Every structure is written in C-alpha cells, then in structure tokens.
Amino acid sequence: MELIDKVIQFSGKSVPLKLVAKVMGKDYQFVRIGIAEGHLPIGCSFKMPGSNSYTTYISPKLLYEYTGHIVTEEEIDEFNKNTK
C-alpha cells in the first residue's frame, strides 16, 4: 500500500465532470471524451443501452494521481448543491 493511501482518505463518490473540467482548466466535453476514449486515466465511461447518453465515474484518487489536486467529499457535495 502506498503512503498516499494512508494519509488521504478518498471517498468513493464520483467527481462531477464539470468540477474536473474546472480543476483541469478544460471544457467538460474534453474531459468526458477523454475518459470515454481512454485518454484520461481518471475514471470510466459507459454508453447506456438504447440511448446516446453516457454515464461516467471519475475517481477522486485517480484524479489526484493525474493532476495532483485533492477533491474532498465536501467539495463534491458543495459543487453538486450549487449546480442544481
């Protein structure tokens, strides 16, 4: 187990696409397509059966490993609350 796993407690909550885009300074479509096409190793994306829409999971831990930015559960909750 890496040291980072012992120091930072990552939640299992998905980080919202638009929050990731803000962290990375990119458009959310860049993030969505990057994950779907396997270019951004921060989560996974699946096309929903019978639909043109995708569902995406973005891991707080993988996002930290890729960007160095720690997204807390509280930050996710606050972002979700303010974007509804």
N, C-alpha and C. Protein backbone atom coordinates (compact mmCIF):
# COMPACT_ATOMS: atom_id res chain seq x y z
N MET A 1 0.86 -1.18 0.00
CA MET A 1 0.00 0.00 0.00
C MET A 1 0.90 1.24 0.00
N GLU A 2 0.56 2.18 -0.87
CA GLU A 2 1.34 3.39 -0.96
C GLU A 2 1.07 4.30 0.23
N LEU A 3 2.02 5.15 0.54
CA LEU A 3 1.87 6.10 1.64
C LEU A 3 0.66 6.99 1.45
N ILE A 4 0.39 7.43 0.23
CA ILE A 4 -0.72 8.34 -0.03
C ILE A 4 -2.05 7.72 0.40
N ASP A 5 -2.19 6.42 0.27
CA ASP A 5 -3.41 5.74 0.68
C ASP A 5 -3.63 5.83 2.18
N LYS A 6 -2.57 5.96 2.93
CA LYS A 6 -2.67 6.03 4.39
C LYS A 6 -2.91 7.45 4.88
N VAL A 7 -2.52 8.44 4.10
CA VAL A 7 -2.59 9.83 4.52
C VAL A 7 -3.90 10.49 4.10
N ILE A 8 -4.32 10.28 2.88
CA ILE A 8 -5.52 10.92 2.34
C ILE A 8 -6.65 9.89 2.29
N GLN A 9 -7.78 10.24 2.83
CA GLN A 9 -8.95 9.38 2.76
C GLN A 9 -9.81 9.85 1.59
N PHE A 10 -9.82 9.07 0.51
CA PHE A 10 -10.62 9.40 -0.65
C PHE A 10 -12.00 8.77 -0.50
N SER A 11 -13.03 9.55 -0.87
CA SER A 11 -14.38 8.99 -0.85
C SER A 11 -14.58 8.20 -2.14
N GLY A 12 -15.59 7.40 -2.17
CA GLY A 12 -15.92 6.66 -3.38
C GLY A 12 -16.83 7.45 -4.30
N LYS A 13 -17.18 8.69 -3.90
CA LYS A 13 -18.09 9.50 -4.71
C LYS A 13 -17.41 9.91 -6.01
N SER A 14 -18.19 9.89 -7.07
CA SER A 14 -17.70 10.35 -8.36
C SER A 14 -17.53 11.86 -8.32
N VAL A 15 -16.45 12.33 -8.90
CA VAL A 15 -16.22 13.77 -9.02
C VAL A 15 -16.99 14.23 -10.26
N PRO A 16 -17.83 15.26 -10.14
CA PRO A 16 -18.60 15.73 -11.29
C PRO A 16 -17.71 16.18 -12.45
N LEU A 17 -18.15 15.86 -13.67
CA LEU A 17 -17.40 16.23 -14.87
C LEU A 17 -17.05 17.72 -14.90
N LYS A 18 -18.01 18.55 -14.59
CA LYS A 18 -17.76 20.00 -14.66
C LYS A 18 -16.76 20.46 -13.60
N LEU A 19 -16.71 19.78 -12.46
CA LEU A 19 -15.72 20.11 -11.44
C LEU A 19 -14.33 19.69 -11.92
N VAL A 20 -14.24 18.52 -12.55
CA VAL A 20 -12.96 18.06 -13.09
C VAL A 20 -12.49 19.03 -14.17
N ALA A 21 -13.40 19.46 -15.03
CA ALA A 21 -13.05 20.41 -16.09
C ALA A 21 -12.50 21.71 -15.48
N LYS A 22 -13.12 22.16 -14.41
CA LYS A 22 -12.66 23.37 -13.73
C LYS A 22 -11.25 23.16 -13.15
N VAL A 23 -11.04 22.02 -12.50
CA VAL A 23 -9.73 21.70 -11.92
C VAL A 23 -8.66 21.66 -13.01
N MET A 24 -9.00 21.06 -14.17
CA MET A 24 -8.03 20.89 -15.24
C MET A 24 -7.92 22.11 -16.16
N GLY A 25 -8.85 23.06 -16.01
CA GLY A 25 -8.84 24.22 -16.89
C GLY A 25 -9.25 23.88 -18.32
N LYS A 26 -10.14 22.90 -18.45
CA LYS A 26 -10.59 22.43 -19.75
C LYS A 26 -12.11 22.45 -19.81
N ASP A 27 -12.66 22.31 -21.01
CA ASP A 27 -14.08 22.17 -21.23
C ASP A 27 -14.53 20.79 -20.75
N TYR A 28 -15.76 20.69 -20.23
CA TYR A 28 -16.20 19.40 -19.70
C TYR A 28 -16.29 18.34 -20.81
N GLN A 29 -16.51 18.76 -22.06
CA GLN A 29 -16.55 17.79 -23.17
C GLN A 29 -15.16 17.17 -23.39
N PHE A 30 -14.11 17.96 -23.18
CA PHE A 30 -12.75 17.45 -23.27
C PHE A 30 -12.56 16.32 -22.27
N VAL A 31 -13.03 16.53 -21.06
CA VAL A 31 -12.90 15.53 -20.00
C VAL A 31 -13.75 14.30 -20.32
N ARG A 32 -15.01 14.53 -20.69
CA ARG A 32 -15.93 13.42 -20.98
C ARG A 32 -15.40 12.54 -22.10
N ILE A 33 -15.00 13.15 -23.20
CA ILE A 33 -14.50 12.40 -24.35
C ILE A 33 -13.15 11.76 -24.03
N GLY A 34 -12.31 12.47 -23.30
CA GLY A 34 -11.00 11.92 -22.92
C GLY A 34 -11.13 10.65 -22.09
N ILE A 35 -12.10 10.62 -21.19
CA ILE A 35 -12.34 9.41 -20.39
C ILE A 35 -12.93 8.32 -21.26
N ALA A 36 -13.96 8.66 -22.05
CA ALA A 36 -14.65 7.67 -22.89
C ALA A 36 -13.70 7.00 -23.88
N GLU A 37 -12.73 7.77 -24.39
CA GLU A 37 -11.80 7.22 -25.38
C GLU A 37 -10.53 6.65 -24.74
N GLY A 38 -10.44 6.69 -23.41
CA GLY A 38 -9.31 6.09 -22.72
C GLY A 38 -8.06 6.94 -22.66
N HIS A 39 -8.18 8.23 -22.99
CA HIS A 39 -7.01 9.13 -22.95
C HIS A 39 -6.75 9.71 -21.57
N LEU A 40 -7.80 9.83 -20.76
CA LEU A 40 -7.66 10.36 -19.40
C LEU A 40 -7.90 9.21 -18.41
N PRO A 41 -6.86 8.76 -17.73
CA PRO A 41 -6.98 7.61 -16.83
C PRO A 41 -7.49 7.99 -15.44
N ILE A 42 -8.64 8.67 -15.41
CA ILE A 42 -9.17 9.15 -14.13
C ILE A 42 -10.52 8.55 -13.79
N GLY A 43 -11.02 7.68 -14.65
CA GLY A 43 -12.33 7.08 -14.40
C GLY A 43 -12.75 6.22 -15.57
N CYS A 44 -14.06 6.01 -15.68
CA CYS A 44 -14.59 5.19 -16.77
C CYS A 44 -15.91 5.78 -17.24
N SER A 45 -16.27 5.44 -18.48
CA SER A 45 -17.49 5.96 -19.07
C SER A 45 -18.14 4.84 -19.88
N PHE A 46 -19.46 4.73 -19.76
CA PHE A 46 -20.20 3.70 -20.48
C PHE A 46 -21.38 4.31 -21.21
N LYS A 47 -21.58 3.87 -22.45
CA LYS A 47 -22.76 4.30 -23.19
C LYS A 47 -23.93 3.47 -22.68
N MET A 48 -25.01 4.16 -22.37
CA MET A 48 -26.18 3.49 -21.83
C MET A 48 -26.93 2.77 -22.96
N PRO A 49 -27.37 1.52 -22.71
CA PRO A 49 -28.09 0.75 -23.74
C PRO A 49 -29.34 1.50 -24.21
N GLY A 50 -29.54 1.50 -25.52
CA GLY A 50 -30.73 2.13 -26.09
C GLY A 50 -30.74 3.64 -26.01
N SER A 51 -29.58 4.24 -25.80
CA SER A 51 -29.51 5.69 -25.64
C SER A 51 -28.22 6.21 -26.25
N ASN A 52 -28.21 7.48 -26.51
CA ASN A 52 -26.97 8.12 -26.97
C ASN A 52 -26.18 8.72 -25.83
N SER A 53 -26.70 8.61 -24.60
CA SER A 53 -26.03 9.23 -23.45
C SER A 53 -25.05 8.26 -22.79
N TYR A 54 -24.10 8.87 -22.09
CA TYR A 54 -23.07 8.12 -21.37
C TYR A 54 -23.24 8.37 -19.87
N THR A 55 -22.79 7.41 -19.09
CA THR A 55 -22.66 7.63 -17.66
C THR A 55 -21.17 7.51 -17.33
N THR A 56 -20.70 8.39 -16.48
CA THR A 56 -19.27 8.49 -16.21
C THR A 56 -19.00 8.46 -14.72
N TYR A 57 -17.97 7.73 -14.33
CA TYR A 57 -17.48 7.74 -12.95
C TYR A 57 -16.07 8.29 -12.98
N ILE A 58 -15.80 9.29 -12.13
CA ILE A 58 -14.46 9.86 -12.02
C ILE A 58 -13.99 9.66 -10.59
N SER A 59 -12.89 8.96 -10.45
CA SER A 59 -12.34 8.61 -9.14
C SER A 59 -11.56 9.78 -8.55
N PRO A 60 -11.88 10.17 -7.30
CA PRO A 60 -11.10 11.22 -6.66
C PRO A 60 -9.62 10.86 -6.54
N LYS A 61 -9.34 9.59 -6.28
CA LYS A 61 -7.94 9.16 -6.12
C LYS A 61 -7.20 9.21 -7.46
N LEU A 62 -7.83 8.71 -8.52
CA LEU A 62 -7.18 8.76 -9.83
C LEU A 62 -7.01 10.19 -10.32
N LEU A 63 -7.98 11.04 -10.01
CA LEU A 63 -7.86 12.45 -10.37
C LEU A 63 -6.67 13.08 -9.64
N TYR A 64 -6.50 12.76 -8.37
CA TYR A 64 -5.36 13.26 -7.61
C TYR A 64 -4.05 12.76 -8.22
N GLU A 65 -4.00 11.47 -8.55
CA GLU A 65 -2.77 10.92 -9.12
C GLU A 65 -2.43 11.55 -10.46
N TYR A 66 -3.45 11.94 -11.22
CA TYR A 66 -3.23 12.52 -12.55
C TYR A 66 -2.93 14.02 -12.49
N THR A 67 -3.62 14.74 -11.59
CA THR A 67 -3.49 16.20 -11.57
C THR A 67 -2.77 16.76 -10.34
N GLY A 68 -2.73 15.98 -9.26
CA GLY A 68 -2.17 16.48 -8.01
C GLY A 68 -3.17 17.26 -7.19
N HIS A 69 -4.41 17.38 -7.67
CA HIS A 69 -5.46 18.13 -6.97
C HIS A 69 -6.30 17.17 -6.13
N ILE A 70 -6.43 17.48 -4.86
CA ILE A 70 -7.27 16.67 -3.96
C ILE A 70 -8.67 17.25 -3.96
N VAL A 71 -9.65 16.43 -4.35
CA VAL A 71 -11.06 16.83 -4.30
C VAL A 71 -11.68 16.10 -3.12
N THR A 72 -12.14 16.85 -2.14
CA THR A 72 -12.72 16.24 -0.95
C THR A 72 -14.20 15.93 -1.18
N GLU A 73 -14.73 15.06 -0.33
CA GLU A 73 -16.14 14.73 -0.39
C GLU A 73 -16.98 15.98 -0.17
N GLU A 74 -16.54 16.85 0.72
CA GLU A 74 -17.25 18.09 1.00
C GLU A 74 -17.27 18.99 -0.24
N GLU A 75 -16.16 19.05 -0.96
CA GLU A 75 -16.10 19.86 -2.18
C GLU A 75 -17.05 19.31 -3.24
N ILE A 76 -17.13 18.00 -3.35
CA ILE A 76 -18.07 17.37 -4.30
C ILE A 76 -19.50 17.70 -3.91
N ASP A 77 -19.83 17.54 -2.63
CA ASP A 77 -21.18 17.84 -2.16
C ASP A 77 -21.54 19.30 -2.39
N GLU A 78 -20.62 20.21 -2.08
CA GLU A 78 -20.87 21.64 -2.26
C GLU A 78 -21.07 21.98 -3.73
N PHE A 79 -20.24 21.41 -4.59
CA PHE A 79 -20.37 21.64 -6.04
C PHE A 79 -21.72 21.15 -6.53
N ASN A 80 -22.10 19.94 -6.11
CA ASN A 80 -23.39 19.37 -6.54
C ASN A 80 -24.55 20.23 -6.04
N LYS A 81 -24.45 20.73 -4.83
CA LYS A 81 -25.50 21.56 -4.25
C LYS A 81 -25.67 22.88 -5.02
N ASN A 82 -24.55 23.45 -5.43
CA ASN A 82 -24.57 24.74 -6.11
C ASN A 82 -24.89 24.66 -7.60
N THR A 83 -24.88 23.47 -8.16
CA THR A 83 -25.14 23.34 -9.60
C THR A 83 -26.52 22.77 -9.90
N LYS A 84 -27.32 22.56 -8.89
CA LYS A 84 -28.67 22.01 -9.12
C LYS A 84 -29.66 23.10 -9.37
